[in-house]
PDB file of all heavy atoms in Angstrom:
ATOM      1  N   THR A   1       0.807  -1.214  -0.010  1.00  0.00           N
ATOM      2  CA  THR A   1       0.005  -0.003  -0.009  1.00  0.00           C
ATOM      3  C   THR A   1       0.836   1.268   0.003  1.00  0.00           C
ATOM      4  O   THR A   1       0.377   2.323  -0.420  1.00  0.00           O
ATOM      5  CB  THR A   1      -0.953   0.029   1.205  1.00  0.00           C
ATOM      6  OG1 THR A   1      -0.176  -0.117   2.392  1.00  0.00           O
ATOM      7  CG2 THR A   1      -1.975  -1.088   1.125  1.00  0.00           C
ATOM      8  N   ALA A   2       2.092   1.190   0.424  1.00  0.00           N
ATOM      9  CA  ALA A   2       2.961   2.368   0.412  1.00  0.00           C
ATOM     10  C   ALA A   2       3.161   2.895  -1.010  1.00  0.00           C
ATOM     11  O   ALA A   2       3.350   4.091  -1.205  1.00  0.00           O
ATOM     12  CB  ALA A   2       4.304   2.059   1.068  1.00  0.00           C
ATOM     13  N   THR A   3       3.082   2.015  -2.009  1.00  0.00           N
ATOM     14  CA  THR A   3       3.226   2.480  -3.386  1.00  0.00           C
ATOM     15  C   THR A   3       2.020   3.354  -3.777  1.00  0.00           C
ATOM     16  O   THR A   3       2.156   4.311  -4.519  1.00  0.00           O
ATOM     17  CB  THR A   3       3.364   1.334  -4.407  1.00  0.00           C
ATOM     18  OG1 THR A   3       2.178   0.574  -4.459  1.00  0.00           O
ATOM     19  CG2 THR A   3       4.565   0.441  -4.037  1.00  0.00           C
ATOM     20  N   VAL A   4       0.851   3.032  -3.245  1.00  0.00           N
ATOM     21  CA  VAL A   4      -0.337   3.849  -3.501  1.00  0.00           C
ATOM     22  C   VAL A   4      -0.192   5.194  -2.783  1.00  0.00           C
ATOM     23  O   VAL A   4      -0.518   6.231  -3.349  1.00  0.00           O
ATOM     24  CB  VAL A   4      -1.620   3.101  -3.057  1.00  0.00           C
ATOM     25  CG1 VAL A   4      -2.844   3.985  -3.237  1.00  0.00           C
ATOM     26  CG2 VAL A   4      -1.787   1.807  -3.867  1.00  0.00           C
ATOM     27  N   GLU A   5       0.323   5.166  -1.551  1.00  0.00           N
ATOM     28  CA  GLU A   5       0.568   6.429  -0.849  1.00  0.00           C
ATOM     29  C   GLU A   5       1.527   7.305  -1.641  1.00  0.00           C
ATOM     30  O   GLU A   5       1.314   8.518  -1.762  1.00  0.00           O
ATOM     31  CB  GLU A   5       1.162   6.161   0.545  1.00  0.00           C
ATOM     32  CG  GLU A   5       0.159   5.634   1.539  1.00  0.00           C
ATOM     33  CD  GLU A   5       0.819   5.472   2.907  1.00  0.00           C
ATOM     34  OE1 GLU A   5       1.372   4.395   3.165  1.00  0.00           O
ATOM     35  OE2 GLU A   5       0.767   6.434   3.701  1.00  0.00           O
ATOM     36  N   ALA A   6       2.593   6.718  -2.162  1.00  0.00           N
ATOM     37  CA  ALA A   6       3.554   7.504  -2.945  1.00  0.00           C
ATOM     38  C   ALA A   6       2.904   8.043  -4.221  1.00  0.00           C
ATOM     39  O   ALA A   6       3.139   9.177  -4.612  1.00  0.00           O
ATOM     40  CB  ALA A   6       4.772   6.652  -3.296  1.00  0.00           C
ATOM     41  N   ALA A   7       2.065   7.238  -4.869  1.00  0.00           N
ATOM     42  CA  ALA A   7       1.371   7.692  -6.055  1.00  0.00           C
ATOM     43  C   ALA A   7       0.434   8.840  -5.715  1.00  0.00           C
ATOM     44  O   ALA A   7       0.365   9.837  -6.457  1.00  0.00           O
ATOM     45  CB  ALA A   7       0.582   6.534  -6.705  1.00  0.00           C
ATOM     46  N   LEU A   8      -0.306   8.733  -4.641  1.00  0.00           N
ATOM     47  CA  LEU A   8      -1.210   9.803  -4.219  1.00  0.00           C
ATOM     48  C   LEU A   8      -0.440  11.099  -3.929  1.00  0.00           C
ATOM     49  O   LEU A   8      -0.930  12.191  -4.138  1.00  0.00           O
ATOM     50  CB  LEU A   8      -2.044   9.373  -3.027  1.00  0.00           C
ATOM     51  CG  LEU A   8      -3.082   8.305  -3.297  1.00  0.00           C
ATOM     52  CD1 LEU A   8      -3.721   7.826  -2.009  1.00  0.00           C
ATOM     53  CD2 LEU A   8      -4.163   8.826  -4.261  1.00  0.00           C
ATOM     54  N   ALA A   9       0.790  10.948  -3.427  1.00  0.00           N
ATOM     55  CA  ALA A   9       1.632  12.103  -3.144  1.00  0.00           C
ATOM     56  C   ALA A   9       2.309  12.622  -4.425  1.00  0.00           C
ATOM     57  O   ALA A   9       2.901  13.682  -4.413  1.00  0.00           O
ATOM     58  CB  ALA A   9       2.684  11.751  -2.109  1.00  0.00           C
ATOM     59  N   GLY A  10       2.221  11.835  -5.518  1.00  0.00           N
ATOM     60  CA  GLY A  10       2.850  12.225  -6.771  1.00  0.00           C
ATOM     61  C   GLY A  10       4.356  12.034  -6.791  1.00  0.00           C
ATOM     62  O   GLY A  10       5.063  12.665  -7.586  1.00  0.00           O
ATOM     63  N   THR A  11       4.846  11.157  -5.947  1.00  0.00           N
ATOM     64  CA  THR A  11       6.288  10.958  -5.793  1.00  0.00           C
ATOM     65  C   THR A  11       6.792   9.844  -6.683  1.00  0.00           C
ATOM     66  O   THR A  11       6.389   8.686  -6.507  1.00  0.00           O
ATOM     67  CB  THR A  11       6.631  10.676  -4.321  1.00  0.00           C
ATOM     68  OG1 THR A  11       6.094  11.720  -3.521  1.00  0.00           O
ATOM     69  CG2 THR A  11       8.127  10.574  -4.114  1.00  0.00           C
ATOM     70  N   PRO A  12       7.686  10.127  -7.613  1.00  0.00           N
ATOM     71  CA  PRO A  12       8.290   9.078  -8.415  1.00  0.00           C
ATOM     72  C   PRO A  12       9.011   8.068  -7.519  1.00  0.00           C
ATOM     73  O   PRO A  12       9.487   8.428  -6.431  1.00  0.00           O
ATOM     74  CB  PRO A  12       9.308   9.816  -9.306  1.00  0.00           C
ATOM     75  CG  PRO A  12       8.786  11.232  -9.339  1.00  0.00           C
ATOM     76  CD  PRO A  12       8.186  11.459  -7.990  1.00  0.00           C
ATOM     77  N   MET A  13       9.076   6.808  -7.987  1.00  0.00           N
ATOM     78  CA  MET A  13       9.607   5.764  -7.099  1.00  0.00           C
ATOM     79  C   MET A  13      10.159   4.592  -7.869  1.00  0.00           C
ATOM     80  O   MET A  13       9.918   4.424  -9.047  1.00  0.00           O
ATOM     81  CB  MET A  13       8.498   5.274  -6.190  1.00  0.00           C
ATOM     82  CG  MET A  13       7.430   4.447  -6.916  1.00  0.00           C
ATOM     83  SD  MET A  13       5.971   4.062  -5.927  1.00  0.00           S
ATOM     84  CE  MET A  13       4.870   5.337  -6.501  1.00  0.00           C
ATOM     85  N   VAL A  14      10.876   3.773  -7.103  1.00  0.00           N
ATOM     86  CA  VAL A  14      11.222   2.415  -7.501  1.00  0.00           C
ATOM     87  C   VAL A  14      10.626   1.531  -6.428  1.00  0.00           C
ATOM     88  O   VAL A  14      10.707   1.814  -5.225  1.00  0.00           O
ATOM     89  CB  VAL A  14      12.776   2.216  -7.530  1.00  0.00           C
ATOM     90  CG1 VAL A  14      13.116   0.742  -7.653  1.00  0.00           C
ATOM     91  CG2 VAL A  14      13.373   2.977  -8.684  1.00  0.00           C
ATOM     92  N   ILE A  15       9.951   0.453  -6.861  1.00  0.00           N
ATOM     93  CA  ILE A  15       9.335  -0.483  -5.930  1.00  0.00           C
ATOM     94  C   ILE A  15      10.281  -1.654  -5.678  1.00  0.00           C
ATOM     95  O   ILE A  15      10.854  -2.163  -6.647  1.00  0.00           O
ATOM     96  CB  ILE A  15       7.998  -1.024  -6.498  1.00  0.00           C
ATOM     97  CG1 ILE A  15       7.003   0.122  -6.715  1.00  0.00           C
ATOM     98  CG2 ILE A  15       7.401  -2.081  -5.579  1.00  0.00           C
ATOM     99  CD1 ILE A  15       5.751  -0.293  -7.476  1.00  0.00           C
ATOM    100  N   ILE A  16      10.412  -2.021  -4.438  1.00  0.00           N
ATOM    101  CA  ILE A  16      11.256  -3.185  -4.096  1.00  0.00           C
ATOM    102  C   ILE A  16      10.421  -4.177  -3.281  1.00  0.00           C
ATOM    103  O   ILE A  16       9.505  -3.807  -2.560  1.00  0.00           O
ATOM    104  CB  ILE A  16      12.528  -2.793  -3.319  1.00  0.00           C
ATOM    105  CG1 ILE A  16      12.190  -2.120  -2.001  1.00  0.00           C
ATOM    106  CG2 ILE A  16      13.405  -1.911  -4.174  1.00  0.00           C
ATOM    107  CD1 ILE A  16      13.385  -1.898  -1.095  1.00  0.00           C
ATOM    108  N   TYR A  17      10.739  -5.450  -3.483  1.00  0.00           N
ATOM    109  CA  TYR A  17      10.105  -6.491  -2.685  1.00  0.00           C
ATOM    110  C   TYR A  17      11.105  -7.612  -2.503  1.00  0.00           C
ATOM    111  O   TYR A  17      11.669  -8.119  -3.480  1.00  0.00           O
ATOM    112  CB  TYR A  17       8.837  -7.070  -3.352  1.00  0.00           C
ATOM    113  CG  TYR A  17       8.319  -8.250  -2.570  1.00  0.00           C
ATOM    114  CD1 TYR A  17       7.536  -8.067  -1.437  1.00  0.00           C
ATOM    115  CD2 TYR A  17       8.654  -9.545  -2.933  1.00  0.00           C
ATOM    116  CE1 TYR A  17       7.107  -9.154  -0.706  1.00  0.00           C
ATOM    117  CE2 TYR A  17       8.221 -10.624  -2.204  1.00  0.00           C
ATOM    118  CZ  TYR A  17       7.432 -10.424  -1.083  1.00  0.00           C
ATOM    119  OH  TYR A  17       7.005 -11.494  -0.333  1.00  0.00           O
ATOM    120  N   ARG A  18      11.321  -7.988  -1.270  1.00  0.00           N
ATOM    121  CA  ARG A  18      12.193  -9.120  -0.978  1.00  0.00           C
ATOM    122  C   ARG A  18      11.607  -9.866   0.205  1.00  0.00           C
ATOM    123  O   ARG A  18      11.505  -9.323   1.302  1.00  0.00           O
ATOM    124  CB  ARG A  18      13.595  -8.626  -0.662  1.00  0.00           C
ATOM    125  CG  ARG A  18      14.567  -9.768  -0.563  1.00  0.00           C
ATOM    126  CD  ARG A  18      15.950  -9.219  -0.483  1.00  0.00           C
ATOM    127  NE  ARG A  18      16.908 -10.293  -0.553  1.00  0.00           N
ATOM    128  CZ  ARG A  18      18.171 -10.124  -0.714  1.00  0.00           C
ATOM    129  NH1 ARG A  18      18.660  -8.902  -0.863  1.00  0.00           N
ATOM    130  NH2 ARG A  18      18.983 -11.142  -0.746  1.00  0.00           N
ATOM    131  N   GLY A  19      11.175 -11.049  -0.049  1.00  0.00           N
ATOM    132  CA  GLY A  19      10.581 -11.882   0.988  1.00  0.00           C
ATOM    133  C   GLY A  19      11.358 -13.171   1.171  1.00  0.00           C
ATOM    134  O   GLY A  19      12.460 -13.342   0.642  1.00  0.00           O
ATOM    135  N   SER A  20      10.754 -14.077   1.868  1.00  0.00           N
ATOM    136  CA  SER A  20      11.368 -15.378   2.097  1.00  0.00           C
ATOM    137  C   SER A  20      11.610 -16.087   0.753  1.00  0.00           C
ATOM    138  O   SER A  20      10.727 -16.171  -0.092  1.00  0.00           O
ATOM    139  CB  SER A  20      10.415 -16.217   2.944  1.00  0.00           C
ATOM    140  OG  SER A  20      10.616 -17.592   2.735  1.00  0.00           O
ATOM    141  N   GLU A  21      12.821 -16.589   0.569  1.00  0.00           N
ATOM    142  CA  GLU A  21      13.173 -17.285  -0.652  1.00  0.00           C
ATOM    143  C   GLU A  21      12.265 -18.499  -0.872  1.00  0.00           C
ATOM    144  O   GLU A  21      11.829 -18.805  -1.979  1.00  0.00           O
ATOM    145  CB  GLU A  21      14.644 -17.683  -0.646  1.00  0.00           C
ATOM    146  CG  GLU A  21      15.131 -18.255  -1.967  1.00  0.00           C
ATOM    147  CD  GLU A  21      15.139 -17.255  -3.095  1.00  0.00           C
ATOM    148  OE1 GLU A  21      15.296 -16.044  -2.896  1.00  0.00           O
ATOM    149  OE2 GLU A  21      14.988 -17.701  -4.262  1.00  0.00           O
ATOM    150  N   LEU A  22      11.984 -19.225   0.207  1.00  0.00           N
ATOM    151  CA  LEU A  22      11.137 -20.398   0.131  1.00  0.00           C
ATOM    152  C   LEU A  22       9.717 -20.010  -0.359  1.00  0.00           C
ATOM    153  O   LEU A  22       9.187 -20.609  -1.283  1.00  0.00           O
ATOM    154  CB  LEU A  22      11.041 -21.113   1.477  1.00  0.00           C
ATOM    155  CG  LEU A  22      10.076 -22.317   1.542  1.00  0.00           C
ATOM    156  CD1 LEU A  22      10.544 -23.394   0.562  1.00  0.00           C
ATOM    157  CD2 LEU A  22      10.011 -22.846   2.946  1.00  0.00           C
ATOM    158  N   ASN A  23       9.140 -18.979   0.260  1.00  0.00           N
ATOM    159  CA  ASN A  23       7.807 -18.527  -0.174  1.00  0.00           C
ATOM    160  C   ASN A  23       7.829 -18.105  -1.635  1.00  0.00           C
ATOM    161  O   ASN A  23       6.931 -18.410  -2.411  1.00  0.00           O
ATOM    162  CB  ASN A  23       7.326 -17.378   0.674  1.00  0.00           C
ATOM    163  CG  ASN A  23       6.846 -17.817   2.040  1.00  0.00           C
ATOM    164  OD1 ASN A  23       6.646 -19.018   2.287  1.00  0.00           O
ATOM    165  ND2 ASN A  23       6.689 -16.883   2.943  1.00  0.00           N
ATOM    166  N   TRP A  24       8.874 -17.365  -2.039  1.00  0.00           N
ATOM    167  CA  TRP A  24       8.983 -16.892  -3.419  1.00  0.00           C
ATOM    168  C   TRP A  24       9.019 -18.070  -4.389  1.00  0.00           C
ATOM    169  O   TRP A  24       8.324 -18.074  -5.390  1.00  0.00           O
ATOM    170  CB  TRP A  24      10.219 -16.025  -3.559  1.00  0.00           C
ATOM    171  CG  TRP A  24      10.373 -15.421  -4.921  1.00  0.00           C
ATOM    172  CD1 TRP A  24      11.219 -15.822  -5.908  1.00  0.00           C
ATOM    173  CD2 TRP A  24       9.649 -14.311  -5.450  1.00  0.00           C
ATOM    174  NE1 TRP A  24      11.090 -15.022  -7.020  1.00  0.00           N
ATOM    175  CE2 TRP A  24      10.129 -14.091  -6.761  1.00  0.00           C
ATOM    176  CE3 TRP A  24       8.662 -13.477  -4.955  1.00  0.00           C
ATOM    177  CZ2 TRP A  24       9.643 -13.079  -7.578  1.00  0.00           C
ATOM    178  CZ3 TRP A  24       8.170 -12.465  -5.763  1.00  0.00           C
ATOM    179  CH2 TRP A  24       8.661 -12.281  -7.048  1.00  0.00           C
ATOM    180  N   ARG A  25       9.803 -19.077  -4.084  1.00  0.00           N
ATOM    181  CA  ARG A  25       9.922 -20.243  -4.966  1.00  0.00           C
ATOM    182  C   ARG A  25       8.628 -21.031  -5.032  1.00  0.00           C
ATOM    183  O   ARG A  25       8.286 -21.609  -6.059  1.00  0.00           O
ATOM    184  CB  ARG A  25      11.054 -21.129  -4.534  1.00  0.00           C
ATOM    185  CG  ARG A  25      12.400 -20.532  -4.826  1.00  0.00           C
ATOM    186  CD  ARG A  25      13.495 -21.455  -4.391  1.00  0.00           C
ATOM    187  NE  ARG A  25      14.788 -20.833  -4.577  1.00  0.00           N
ATOM    188  CZ  ARG A  25      15.857 -21.472  -4.931  1.00  0.00           C
ATOM    189  NH1 ARG A  25      15.809 -22.760  -5.138  1.00  0.00           N
ATOM    190  NH2 ARG A  25      16.978 -20.838  -5.082  1.00  0.00           N
ATOM    191  N   LEU A  26       7.900 -21.080  -3.922  1.00  0.00           N
ATOM    192  CA  LEU A  26       6.637 -21.821  -3.907  1.00  0.00           C
ATOM    193  C   LEU A  26       5.504 -21.068  -4.602  1.00  0.00           C
ATOM    194  O   LEU A  26       4.715 -21.651  -5.325  1.00  0.00           O
ATOM    195  CB  LEU A  26       6.223 -22.150  -2.468  1.00  0.00           C
ATOM    196  CG  LEU A  26       7.095 -23.175  -1.724  1.00  0.00           C
ATOM    197  CD1 LEU A  26       6.678 -23.237  -0.260  1.00  0.00           C
ATOM    198  CD2 LEU A  26       7.013 -24.515  -2.382  1.00  0.00           C
ATOM    199  N   ILE A  27       5.434 -19.777  -4.352  1.00  0.00           N
ATOM    200  CA  ILE A  27       4.290 -18.998  -4.813  1.00  0.00           C
ATOM    201  C   ILE A  27       4.495 -18.419  -6.205  1.00  0.00           C
ATOM    202  O   ILE A  27       3.561 -18.362  -7.005  1.00  0.00           O
ATOM    203  CB  ILE A  27       3.970 -17.880  -3.799  1.00  0.00           C
ATOM    204  CG1 ILE A  27       3.503 -18.520  -2.483  1.00  0.00           C
ATOM    205  CG2 ILE A  27       2.925 -16.929  -4.327  1.00  0.00           C
ATOM    206  CD1 ILE A  27       3.342 -17.559  -1.344  1.00  0.00           C
ATOM    207  N   ARG A  28       5.696 -17.981  -6.579  1.00  0.00           N
ATOM    208  CA  ARG A  28       5.940 -17.316  -7.835  1.00  0.00           C
ATOM    209  C   ARG A  28       5.412 -18.079  -9.043  1.00  0.00           C
ATOM    210  O   ARG A  28       4.784 -17.478  -9.923  1.00  0.00           O
ATOM    211  CB  ARG A  28       7.427 -16.985  -7.998  1.00  0.00           C
ATOM    212  CG  ARG A  28       7.764 -16.287  -9.295  1.00  0.00           C
ATOM    213  CD  ARG A  28       7.019 -14.968  -9.400  1.00  0.00           C
ATOM    214  NE  ARG A  28       7.225 -14.314 -10.661  1.00  0.00           N
ATOM    215  CZ  ARG A  28       6.257 -14.021 -11.533  1.00  0.00           C
ATOM    216  NH1 ARG A  28       5.010 -14.334 -11.283  1.00  0.00           N
ATOM    217  NH2 ARG A  28       6.520 -13.412 -12.666  1.00  0.00           N
ATOM    218  N   PRO A  29       5.610 -19.400  -9.152  1.00  0.00           N
ATOM    219  CA  PRO A  29       5.104 -20.114 -10.331  1.00  0.00           C
ATOM    220  C   PRO A  29       3.572 -20.064 -10.450  1.00  0.00           C
ATOM    221  O   PRO A  29       3.047 -20.255 -11.540  1.00  0.00           O
ATOM    222  CB  PRO A  29       5.588 -21.561 -10.113  1.00  0.00           C
ATOM    223  CG  PRO A  29       6.714 -21.461  -9.180  1.00  0.00           C
ATOM    224  CD  PRO A  29       6.426 -20.280  -8.305  1.00  0.00           C
ATOM    225  N   LEU A  30       2.892 -19.805  -9.355  1.00  0.00           N
ATOM    226  CA  LEU A  30       1.434 -19.774  -9.374  1.00  0.00           C
ATOM    227  C   LEU A  30       0.873 -18.413  -9.815  1.00  0.00           C
ATOM    228  O   LEU A  30      -0.299 -18.299 -10.140  1.00  0.00           O
ATOM    229  CB  LEU A  30       0.882 -20.138  -7.999  1.00  0.00           C
ATOM    230  CG  LEU A  30       1.335 -21.486  -7.433  1.00  0.00           C
ATOM    231  CD1 LEU A  30       0.837 -21.642  -5.985  1.00  0.00           C
ATOM    232  CD2 LEU A  30       0.861 -22.618  -8.315  1.00  0.00           C
ATOM    233  N   ILE A  31       1.705 -17.399  -9.758  1.00  0.00           N
ATOM    234  CA  ILE A  31       1.256 -16.036 -10.065  1.00  0.00           C
ATOM    235  C   ILE A  31       1.542 -15.723 -11.524  1.00  0.00           C
ATOM    236  O   ILE A  31       2.653 -15.798 -11.999  1.00  0.00           O
ATOM    237  CB  ILE A  31       1.969 -15.018  -9.145  1.00  0.00           C
ATOM    238  CG1 ILE A  31       1.679 -15.353  -7.682  1.00  0.00           C
ATOM    239  CG2 ILE A  31       1.535 -13.591  -9.472  1.00  0.00           C
ATOM    240  CD1 ILE A  31       2.507 -14.542  -6.711  1.00  0.00           C
ATOM    241  N   GLN A  32       0.482 -15.362 -12.233  1.00  0.00           N
ATOM    242  CA  GLN A  32       0.597 -15.084 -13.666  1.00  0.00           C
ATOM    243  C   GLN A  32       0.582 -13.607 -13.980  1.00  0.00           C
ATOM    244  O   GLN A  32       0.041 -13.175 -14.974  1.00  0.00           O
ATOM    245  CB  GLN A  32      -0.559 -15.792 -14.406  1.00  0.00           C
ATOM    246  CG  GLN A  32      -0.599 -17.276 -14.225  1.00  0.00           C
ATOM    247  CD  GLN A  32       0.652 -17.936 -14.747  1.00  0.00           C
ATOM    248  OE1 GLN A  32       1.115 -17.684 -15.850  1.00  0.00           O
ATOM    249  NE2 GLN A  32       1.238 -18.819 -13.947  1.00  0.00           N
ATOM    250  N   LEU A  33       1.183 -12.806 -13.111  1.00  0.00           N
ATOM    251  CA  LEU A  33       1.206 -11.360 -13.334  1.00  0.00           C
ATOM    252  C   LEU A  33       2.567 -10.933 -13.841  1.00  0.00           C
ATOM    253  O   LEU A  33       3.595 -11.510 -13.479  1.00  0.00           O
ATOM    254  CB  LEU A  33       0.930 -10.622 -12.000  1.00  0.00           C
ATOM    255  CG  LEU A  33      -0.449 -10.849 -11.387  1.00  0.00           C
ATOM    256  CD1 LEU A  33      -0.514 -10.181 -10.023  1.00  0.00           C
ATOM    257  CD2 LEU A  33      -1.529 -10.329 -12.300  1.00  0.00           C
ATOM    258  N   ASP A  34       2.576  -9.889 -14.675  1.00  0.00           N
ATOM    259  CA  ASP A  34       3.824  -9.330 -15.164  1.00  0.00           C
ATOM    260  C   ASP A  34       4.364  -8.285 -14.219  1.00  0.00           C
ATOM    261  O   ASP A  34       5.514  -7.862 -14.332  1.00  0.00           O
ATOM    262  CB  ASP A  34       3.608  -8.683 -16.531  1.00  0.00           C
ATOM    263  CG  ASP A  34       3.156  -9.692 -17.580  1.00  0.00           C
ATOM    264  OD1 ASP A  34       3.576 -10.863 -17.496  1.00  0.00           O
ATOM    265  OD2 ASP A  34       2.378  -9.308 -18.460  1.00  0.00           O
ATOM    266  N   THR A  35       3.530  -7.797 -13.329  1.00  0.00           N
ATOM    267  CA  THR A  35       3.880  -6.726 -12.410  1.00  0.00           C
ATOM    268  C   THR A  35       3.252  -7.024 -11.061  1.00  0.00           C
ATOM    269  O   THR A  35       2.227  -7.681 -10.998  1.00  0.00           O
ATOM    270  CB  THR A  35       3.458  -5.361 -12.985  1.00  0.00           C
ATOM    271  OG1 THR A  35       3.962  -4.344 -12.186  1.00  0.00           O
ATOM    272  CG2 THR A  35       1.965  -5.234 -13.100  1.00  0.00           C
TER     273      THR A  35
END
């Protein structure tokens, strides 16, 4: 949701996400999103 807050403020950004490697490997193949 912080990305929405930044957008509402009009602030340019780079989005980062780093979670558990295990969760990423398990869940990523199930997600069909490009973003």
